[in-house]
Amino acid sequence: MISIENISREYRSKEGQVRALSHINLHVAEGDFISLIGPSGCGKSTLINMIAGFIQPTEGTIRLNGKPIRKPGPDRGVVFQENSLFPWMTVEENMKLALRNSRKAVDYYLDIVGLKGFHKAYPHELSGGMKQKVSIARTLALSPDVILMDEPFSSLDEQTRIQLDYELKEIWEREKKTIIFVTHSIEEAIYLSTKVVLMTKRPGRIQREWELDRGKRWNFYSPDMLSLRKEMKNSMDLCCKDCKL
């Protein structure tokens, strides 16, 4: 579905050229849930932005269903770290921007994310977690082939984040969307994903991939979760130690 072929990305800065990503190769199959983990500045968000079509790789190609990605398109939806709701609009009005005034569709997608009955609420009347739910519902309503999520729960408290992880997992299983998810939480990556991809320090490269059981129901505090978390944390510590800026 998504083929990332030997891509690199460089930026121009006051100090000269900065190489953010170097020779990334990754295949994402339809229905996958891919989590990208790694240290700050390793290029996770840059990779998401290239898949979204906001920026182009300096080298290499990203293809979606065989076609090179040149610009943003309706086949890709993005959920950002901060919600992108218009504060002067109600939840329903924000949703209708994506749904072309379909009240039935608004009801359907708000119900999916657990916000039935909040149509007339304004963003300032919602908690941080509820605002992100509206952002997710609006993205789902666009019916994209791929959903890109750039640390969508990082600003939330731990209890809210864990609850949203549970709900996102259920939404993914029900809607069967392909999701690429950026996170700094190893536990979150394990719980949600069919594959976890570890990236190195800048310039970001893929250090290791873990294929996970698609049907497994992880418990955040189970021995197998803690064991896999330790393995991933050790790999991250090792690659951060060995890599040079």
C-alpha atoms as a PDB file:
ATOM      1  CA  MET A   1       0.000   0.000   0.000  1.00  0.00           C
ATOM      2  CA  ILE A   2       2.703   2.507   1.051  1.00  0.00           C
ATOM      3  CA  SER A   3       6.189   1.947  -0.265  1.00  0.00           C
ATOM      4  CA  ILE A   4       8.958   4.162   1.132  1.00  0.00           C
ATOM      5  CA  GLU A   5      11.933   3.697  -1.141  1.00  0.00           C
ATOM      6  CA  ASN A   6      15.393   4.844  -0.040  1.00  0.00           C
ATOM      7  CA  ILE A   7      14.285   8.327   0.990  1.00  0.00           C
ATOM      8  CA  SER A   8      16.476  10.999   2.543  1.00  0.00           C
ATOM      9  CA  ARG A   9      15.657  14.559   3.544  1.00  0.00           C
ATOM     10  CA  GLU A  10      17.945  17.546   4.022  1.00  0.00           C
ATOM     11  CA  TYR A  11      17.220  21.022   5.364  1.00  0.00           C
ATOM     12  CA  ARG A  12      19.139  24.225   4.888  1.00  0.00           C
ATOM     13  CA  SER A  13      20.091  25.968   8.146  1.00  0.00           C
ATOM     14  CA  LYS A  14      22.422  28.768   9.234  1.00  0.00           C
ATOM     15  CA  GLU A  15      25.086  26.127   9.822  1.00  0.00           C
ATOM     16  CA  GLY A  16      24.602  24.634   6.355  1.00  0.00           C
ATOM     17  CA  GLN A  17      22.822  21.510   5.154  1.00  0.00           C
ATOM     18  CA  VAL A  18      21.246  19.342   7.891  1.00  0.00           C
ATOM     19  CA  ARG A  19      20.416  15.744   7.026  1.00  0.00           C
ATOM     20  CA  ALA A  20      17.222  14.838   8.885  1.00  0.00           C
ATOM     21  CA  LEU A  21      16.592  11.398   7.356  1.00  0.00           C
ATOM     22  CA  SER A  22      18.948   9.033   5.580  1.00  0.00           C
ATOM     23  CA  HIS A  23      18.024   6.118   3.303  1.00  0.00           C
ATOM     24  CA  ILE A  24      14.709   5.083   4.831  1.00  0.00           C
ATOM     25  CA  ASN A  25      13.026   1.979   3.404  1.00  0.00           C
ATOM     26  CA  LEU A  26       9.686   0.820   4.787  1.00  0.00           C
ATOM     27  CA  HIS A  27       6.657  -1.103   3.508  1.00  0.00           C
ATOM     28  CA  VAL A  28       3.204  -0.529   4.997  1.00  0.00           C
ATOM     29  CA  ALA A  29       0.509  -3.051   4.064  1.00  0.00           C
ATOM     30  CA  GLU A  30      -3.193  -2.250   3.953  1.00  0.00           C
ATOM     31  CA  GLY A  31      -4.689  -2.450   7.435  1.00  0.00           C
ATOM     32  CA  ASP A  32      -1.340  -2.146   9.228  1.00  0.00           C
ATOM     33  CA  PHE A  33      -0.904  -0.059  12.361  1.00  0.00           C
ATOM     34  CA  ILE A  34       2.706   1.155  12.277  1.00  0.00           C
ATOM     35  CA  SER A  35       4.214   3.025  15.226  1.00  0.00           C
ATOM     36  CA  LEU A  36       7.392   5.073  14.827  1.00  0.00           C
ATOM     37  CA  ILE A  37       9.516   5.434  17.961  1.00  0.00           C
ATOM     38  CA  GLY A  38      12.918   6.975  18.562  1.00  0.00           C
ATOM     39  CA  PRO A  39      14.661   9.934  20.215  1.00  0.00           C
ATOM     40  CA  SER A  40      13.524  13.523  19.705  1.00  0.00           C
ATOM     41  CA  GLY A  41      14.830  14.946  16.462  1.00  0.00           C
ATOM     42  CA  CYS A  42      15.216  11.599  14.695  1.00  0.00           C
ATOM     43  CA  GLY A  43      12.860  12.573  11.872  1.00  0.00           C
ATOM     44  CA  LYS A  44       9.620  10.817  12.816  1.00  0.00           C
ATOM     45  CA  SER A  45       7.489  13.903  12.154  1.00  0.00           C
ATOM     46  CA  THR A  46       9.468  14.660   8.990  1.00  0.00           C
ATOM     47  CA  LEU A  47       8.616  11.202   7.689  1.00  0.00           C
ATOM     48  CA  ILE A  48       4.921  11.696   8.529  1.00  0.00           C
ATOM     49  CA  ASN A  49       4.932  15.058   6.732  1.00  0.00           C
ATOM     50  CA  MET A  50       6.464  13.499   3.621  1.00  0.00           C
ATOM     51  CA  ILE A  51       3.849  10.726   3.554  1.00  0.00           C
ATOM     52  CA  ALA A  52       1.183  13.421   3.954  1.00  0.00           C
ATOM     53  CA  GLY A  53       2.687  15.262   0.979  1.00  0.00           C
ATOM     54  CA  PHE A  54       3.446  18.462   2.912  1.00  0.00           C
ATOM     55  CA  ILE A  55       7.147  18.214   2.029  1.00  0.00           C
ATOM     56  CA  GLN A  56       9.139  16.201  -0.494  1.00  0.00           C
ATOM     57  CA  PRO A  57      12.119  13.910   0.087  1.00  0.00           C
ATOM     58  CA  THR A  58      15.497  15.128  -1.108  1.00  0.00           C
ATOM     59  CA  GLU A  59      16.176  11.630  -2.419  1.00  0.00           C
ATOM     60  CA  GLY A  60      14.005   8.582  -3.013  1.00  0.00           C
ATOM     61  CA  THR A  61      10.278   8.107  -3.548  1.00  0.00           C
ATOM     62  CA  ILE A  62       7.179   7.458  -1.449  1.00  0.00           C
ATOM     63  CA  ARG A  63       4.368   5.643  -3.248  1.00  0.00           C
ATOM     64  CA  LEU A  64       0.765   5.089  -2.213  1.00  0.00           C
ATOM     65  CA  ASN A  65      -0.944   2.295  -4.129  1.00  0.00           C
ATOM     66  CA  GLY A  66       1.843   2.475  -6.701  1.00  0.00           C
ATOM     67  CA  LYS A  67       1.608   6.240  -7.329  1.00  0.00           C
ATOM     68  CA  PRO A  68       4.303   8.689  -6.143  1.00  0.00           C
ATOM     69  CA  ILE A  69       3.145  11.118  -3.445  1.00  0.00           C
ATOM     70  CA  ARG A  70       3.687  14.663  -4.723  1.00  0.00           C
ATOM     71  CA  LYS A  71       1.231  16.686  -2.625  1.00  0.00           C
ATOM     72  CA  PRO A  72      -1.479  16.326   0.057  1.00  0.00           C
ATOM     73  CA  GLY A  73      -4.600  14.445  -0.959  1.00  0.00           C
ATOM     74  CA  PRO A  74      -7.926  13.112   0.385  1.00  0.00           C
ATOM     75  CA  ASP A  75      -6.491   9.580   0.500  1.00  0.00           C
ATOM     76  CA  ARG A  76      -4.429  10.651   3.540  1.00  0.00           C
ATOM     77  CA  GLY A  77      -5.818  12.149   6.740  1.00  0.00           C
ATOM     78  CA  VAL A  78      -3.641  13.738   9.435  1.00  0.00           C
ATOM     79  CA  VAL A  79      -4.218  14.066  13.189  1.00  0.00           C
ATOM     80  CA  PHE A  80      -1.714  16.511  14.682  1.00  0.00           C
ATOM     81  CA  GLN A  81      -0.282  16.799  18.177  1.00  0.00           C
ATOM     82  CA  GLU A  82      -2.534  19.782  18.863  1.00  0.00           C
ATOM     83  CA  ASN A  83      -6.176  19.634  17.830  1.00  0.00           C
ATOM     84  CA  SER A  84      -7.016  21.660  14.738  1.00  0.00           C
ATOM     85  CA  LEU A  85     -10.582  22.621  15.629  1.00  0.00           C
ATOM     86  CA  PHE A  86     -11.963  26.071  14.872  1.00  0.00           C
ATOM     87  CA  PRO A  87     -12.766  27.543  18.325  1.00  0.00           C
ATOM     88  CA  TRP A  88     -15.697  29.660  17.075  1.00  0.00           C
ATOM     89  CA  MET A  89     -17.478  26.588  15.682  1.00  0.00           C
ATOM     90  CA  THR A  90     -19.406  23.900  17.541  1.00  0.00           C
ATOM     91  CA  VAL A  91     -18.374  20.248  17.366  1.00  0.00           C
ATOM     92  CA  GLU A  92     -21.054  19.651  14.747  1.00  0.00           C
ATOM     93  CA  GLU A  93     -19.932  22.641  12.663  1.00  0.00           C
ATOM     94  CA  ASN A  94     -16.304  21.485  12.818  1.00  0.00           C
ATOM     95  CA  MET A  95     -17.391  18.032  11.707  1.00  0.00           C
ATOM     96  CA  LYS A  96     -19.506  19.342   8.833  1.00  0.00           C
ATOM     97  CA  LEU A  97     -16.414  20.888   7.272  1.00  0.00           C
ATOM     98  CA  ALA A  98     -15.429  17.322   6.431  1.00  0.00           C
ATOM     99  CA  LEU A  99     -18.885  15.867   5.928  1.00  0.00           C
ATOM    100  CA  ARG A 100     -20.583  18.378   3.629  1.00  0.00           C
ATOM    101  CA  ASN A 101     -23.444  19.076   6.033  1.00  0.00           C
ATOM    102  CA  SER A 102     -24.471  15.449   6.574  1.00  0.00           C
ATOM    103  CA  ARG A 103     -26.057  15.263  10.054  1.00  0.00           C
ATOM    104  CA  LYS A 104     -26.377  11.482   9.841  1.00  0.00           C
ATOM    105  CA  ALA A 105     -22.644  11.125   9.201  1.00  0.00           C
ATOM    106  CA  VAL A 106     -21.839  13.542  12.046  1.00  0.00           C
ATOM    107  CA  ASP A 107     -23.904  11.377  14.389  1.00  0.00           C
ATOM    108  CA  TYR A 108     -22.171   8.221  13.169  1.00  0.00           C
ATOM    109  CA  TYR A 109     -18.579   9.414  13.609  1.00  0.00           C
ATOM    110  CA  LEU A 110     -19.153  11.202  16.908  1.00  0.00           C
ATOM    111  CA  ASP A 111     -20.733   8.005  18.214  1.00  0.00           C
ATOM    112  CA  ILE A 112     -17.656   6.023  17.088  1.00  0.00           C
ATOM    113  CA  VAL A 113     -15.369   8.177  19.252  1.00  0.00           C
ATOM    114  CA  GLY A 114     -17.768   8.261  22.206  1.00  0.00           C
ATOM    115  CA  LEU A 115     -18.990  11.860  21.844  1.00  0.00           C
ATOM    116  CA  LYS A 116     -22.664  11.290  21.160  1.00  0.00           C
ATOM    117  CA  GLY A 117     -24.639  14.278  22.368  1.00  0.00           C
ATOM    118  CA  PHE A 118     -21.785  16.807  22.156  1.00  0.00           C
ATOM    119  CA  HIS A 119     -22.864  18.283  18.800  1.00  0.00           C
ATOM    120  CA  LYS A 120     -23.528  21.787  20.141  1.00  0.00           C
ATOM    121  CA  ALA A 121     -20.483  22.039  22.414  1.00  0.00           C
ATOM    122  CA  TYR A 122     -17.680  24.478  21.593  1.00  0.00           C
ATOM    123  CA  PRO A 123     -14.007  23.411  21.798  1.00  0.00           C
ATOM    124  CA  HIS A 124     -13.421  25.481  24.965  1.00  0.00           C
ATOM    125  CA  GLU A 125     -16.120  23.402  26.669  1.00  0.00           C
ATOM    126  CA  LEU A 126     -14.293  20.126  25.964  1.00  0.00           C
ATOM    127  CA  SER A 127     -11.360  18.467  27.695  1.00  0.00           C
ATOM    128  CA  GLY A 128      -8.096  17.940  25.817  1.00  0.00           C
ATOM    129  CA  GLY A 129      -8.939  14.294  25.219  1.00  0.00           C
ATOM    130  CA  MET A 130     -12.395  15.144  23.894  1.00  0.00           C
ATOM    131  CA  LYS A 131     -10.946  17.705  21.474  1.00  0.00           C
ATOM    132  CA  GLN A 132      -8.608  15.059  20.090  1.00  0.00           C
ATOM    133  CA  LYS A 133     -11.565  12.696  19.731  1.00  0.00           C
ATOM    134  CA  VAL A 134     -13.302  15.290  17.569  1.00  0.00           C
ATOM    135  CA  SER A 135     -10.130  15.636  15.478  1.00  0.00           C
ATOM    136  CA  ILE A 136      -9.999  11.856  15.034  1.00  0.00           C
ATOM    137  CA  ALA A 137     -13.715  11.707  14.174  1.00  0.00           C
ATOM    138  CA  ARG A 138     -13.309  14.465  11.576  1.00  0.00           C
ATOM    139  CA  THR A 139     -10.357  12.633  10.013  1.00  0.00           C
ATOM    140  CA  LEU A 140     -12.282   9.347   9.919  1.00  0.00           C
ATOM    141  CA  ALA A 141     -15.181  11.156   8.290  1.00  0.00           C
ATOM    142  CA  LEU A 142     -12.985  12.080   5.335  1.00  0.00           C
ATOM    143  CA  SER A 143     -12.661   8.323   4.689  1.00  0.00           C
ATOM    144  CA  PRO A 144      -8.938   8.406   3.828  1.00  0.00           C
ATOM    145  CA  ASP A 145      -7.026   5.264   2.886  1.00  0.00           C
ATOM    146  CA  VAL A 146      -4.318   6.156   5.415  1.00  0.00           C
ATOM    147  CA  ILE A 147      -4.466   8.020   8.729  1.00  0.00           C
ATOM    148  CA  LEU A 148      -1.257   9.725   9.878  1.00  0.00           C
ATOM    149  CA  MET A 149      -1.075  10.551  13.602  1.00  0.00           C
ATOM    150  CA  ASP A 150       1.792  12.693  14.901  1.00  0.00           C
ATOM    151  CA  GLU A 151       1.950  12.241  18.695  1.00  0.00           C
ATOM    152  CA  PRO A 152      -1.784  12.949  19.039  1.00  0.00           C
ATOM    153  CA  PHE A 153      -1.967  12.105  22.756  1.00  0.00           C
ATOM    154  CA  SER A 154       1.386  13.449  23.977  1.00  0.00           C
ATOM    155  CA  SER A 155      -0.061  16.556  25.665  1.00  0.00           C
ATOM    156  CA  LEU A 156      -2.621  14.563  27.670  1.00  0.00           C
ATOM    157  CA  ASP A 157      -2.303  13.145  31.168  1.00  0.00           C
ATOM    158  CA  GLU A 158      -1.380   9.469  31.430  1.00  0.00           C
ATOM    159  CA  GLN A 159      -4.837   8.227  32.440  1.00  0.00           C
ATOM    160  CA  THR A 160      -6.514  10.028  29.529  1.00  0.00           C
ATOM    161  CA  ARG A 161      -3.839   8.848  27.108  1.00  0.00           C
ATOM    162  CA  ILE A 162      -4.280   5.208  28.113  1.00  0.00           C
ATOM    163  CA  GLN A 163      -8.062   5.498  27.737  1.00  0.00           C
ATOM    164  CA  LEU A 164      -7.664   7.000  24.271  1.00  0.00           C
ATOM    165  CA  ASP A 165      -5.239   4.201  23.359  1.00  0.00           C
ATOM    166  CA  TYR A 166      -7.957   1.669  24.228  1.00  0.00           C
ATOM    167  CA  GLU A 167     -10.513   3.560  22.163  1.00  0.00           C
ATOM    168  CA  LEU A 168      -8.184   4.085  19.193  1.00  0.00           C
ATOM    169  CA  LYS A 169      -7.425   0.362  19.122  1.00  0.00           C
ATOM    170  CA  GLU A 170     -11.154  -0.400  18.981  1.00  0.00           C
ATOM    171  CA  ILE A 171     -11.700   2.175  16.226  1.00  0.00           C
ATOM    172  CA  TRP A 172      -8.828   0.715  14.164  1.00  0.00           C
ATOM    173  CA  GLU A 173     -10.183  -2.825  14.555  1.00  0.00           C
ATOM    174  CA  ARG A 174     -13.695  -1.728  13.582  1.00  0.00           C
ATOM    175  CA  GLU A 175     -12.875   0.687  10.745  1.00  0.00           C
ATOM    176  CA  LYS A 176      -9.924  -1.355   9.362  1.00  0.00           C
ATOM    177  CA  LYS A 177      -7.913   1.750   8.482  1.00  0.00           C
ATOM    178  CA  THR A 178      -4.190   1.859   7.786  1.00  0.00           C
ATOM    179  CA  ILE A 179      -2.533   3.996  10.480  1.00  0.00           C
ATOM    180  CA  ILE A 180       0.983   5.374  10.897  1.00  0.00           C
ATOM    181  CA  PHE A 181       1.461   6.677  14.431  1.00  0.00           C
ATOM    182  CA  VAL A 182       4.313   8.687  15.993  1.00  0.00           C
ATOM    183  CA  THR A 183       4.877   8.265  19.729  1.00  0.00           C
ATOM    184  CA  HIS A 184       7.547   8.540  22.406  1.00  0.00           C
ATOM    185  CA  SER A 185       5.779   5.891  24.508  1.00  0.00           C
ATOM    186  CA  ILE A 186       7.057   2.363  23.952  1.00  0.00           C
ATOM    187  CA  GLU A 187       4.081   0.897  25.840  1.00  0.00           C
ATOM    188  CA  GLU A 188       1.664   2.799  23.622  1.00  0.00           C
ATOM    189  CA  ALA A 189       3.467   1.592  20.496  1.00  0.00           C
ATOM    190  CA  ILE A 190       3.319  -2.054  21.627  1.00  0.00           C
ATOM    191  CA  TYR A 191      -0.337  -1.884  22.623  1.00  0.00           C
ATOM    192  CA  LEU A 192      -1.552  -0.323  19.385  1.00  0.00           C
ATOM    193  CA  SER A 193       0.651  -1.684  16.645  1.00  0.00           C
ATOM    194  CA  THR A 194       1.083  -4.489  14.175  1.00  0.00           C
ATOM    195  CA  LYS A 195       4.651  -3.229  13.665  1.00  0.00           C
ATOM    196  CA  VAL A 196       6.939  -0.976  15.720  1.00  0.00           C
ATOM    197  CA  VAL A 197       9.756   0.816  13.892  1.00  0.00           C
ATOM    198  CA  LEU A 198      12.735   2.175  15.850  1.00  0.00           C
ATOM    199  CA  MET A 199      14.575   5.149  14.341  1.00  0.00           C
ATOM    200  CA  THR A 200      18.054   6.364  15.249  1.00  0.00           C
ATOM    201  CA  LYS A 201      19.250   9.823  16.185  1.00  0.00           C
ATOM    202  CA  ARG A 202      19.705  12.344  13.378  1.00  0.00           C
ATOM    203  CA  PRO A 203      20.136  11.609  10.597  1.00  0.00           C
ATOM    204  CA  GLY A 204      17.236   9.272  11.197  1.00  0.00           C
ATOM    205  CA  ARG A 205      17.579   5.717   9.937  1.00  0.00           C
ATOM    206  CA  ILE A 206      15.559   2.619  10.662  1.00  0.00           C
ATOM    207  CA  GLN A 207      17.455   0.698  13.321  1.00  0.00           C
ATOM    208  CA  ARG A 208      15.054  -2.179  13.911  1.00  0.00           C
ATOM    209  CA  GLU A 209      11.492  -3.364  13.310  1.00  0.00           C
ATOM    210  CA  TRP A 210       9.286  -5.571  15.485  1.00  0.00           C
ATOM    211  CA  GLU A 211       6.382  -7.450  13.910  1.00  0.00           C
ATOM    212  CA  LEU A 212       3.616  -7.921  16.496  1.00  0.00           C
ATOM    213  CA  ASP A 213       0.689 -10.322  16.658  1.00  0.00           C
ATOM    214  CA  ARG A 214      -2.242  -8.520  15.033  1.00  0.00           C
ATOM    215  CA  GLY A 215      -4.817 -10.268  17.212  1.00  0.00           C
ATOM    216  CA  LYS A 216      -3.041 -10.043  20.572  1.00  0.00           C
ATOM    217  CA  ARG A 217      -4.768  -8.142  23.371  1.00  0.00           C
ATOM    218  CA  TRP A 218      -1.935  -6.529  25.313  1.00  0.00           C
ATOM    219  CA  ASN A 219      -2.134  -5.599  28.965  1.00  0.00           C
ATOM    220  CA  PHE A 220       0.029  -2.603  29.889  1.00  0.00           C
ATOM    221  CA  TYR A 221       1.318  -4.323  33.031  1.00  0.00           C
ATOM    222  CA  SER A 222       1.617  -7.946  31.868  1.00  0.00           C
ATOM    223  CA  PRO A 223       4.987  -9.762  31.946  1.00  0.00           C
ATOM    224  CA  ASP A 224       5.110 -10.078  28.139  1.00  0.00           C
ATOM    225  CA  MET A 225       4.472  -6.331  27.717  1.00  0.00           C
ATOM    226  CA  LEU A 226       7.179  -5.488  30.259  1.00  0.00           C
ATOM    227  CA  SER A 227       9.625  -7.913  28.647  1.00  0.00           C
ATOM    228  CA  LEU A 228       9.096  -6.511  25.145  1.00  0.00           C
ATOM    229  CA  ARG A 229       9.263  -2.956  26.478  1.00  0.00           C
ATOM    230  CA  LYS A 230      12.632  -3.740  28.050  1.00  0.00           C
ATOM    231  CA  GLU A 231      13.911  -5.180  24.770  1.00  0.00           C
ATOM    232  CA  MET A 232      12.803  -2.100  22.812  1.00  0.00           C
ATOM    233  CA  LYS A 233      14.181   0.292  25.448  1.00  0.00           C
ATOM    234  CA  ASN A 234      17.551  -1.471  25.386  1.00  0.00           C
ATOM    235  CA  SER A 235      17.642  -1.257  21.578  1.00  0.00           C
ATOM    236  CA  MET A 236      16.784   2.434  21.718  1.00  0.00           C
ATOM    237  CA  ASP A 237      19.443   3.149  24.341  1.00  0.00           C
ATOM    238  CA  LEU A 238      22.022   1.249  22.311  1.00  0.00           C
ATOM    239  CA  CYS A 239      21.289   2.990  19.011  1.00  0.00           C
ATOM    240  CA  CYS A 240      21.257   6.414  20.696  1.00  0.00           C
ATOM    241  CA  LYS A 241      24.624   5.672  22.288  1.00  0.00           C
ATOM    242  CA  ASP A 242      26.231   4.505  19.055  1.00  0.00           C
ATOM    243  CA  CYS A 243      24.848   7.134  16.674  1.00  0.00           C
ATOM    244  CA  LYS A 244      26.570  10.453  16.151  1.00  0.00           C
ATOM    245  CA  LEU A 245      24.862  13.739  15.349  1.00  0.00           C
END
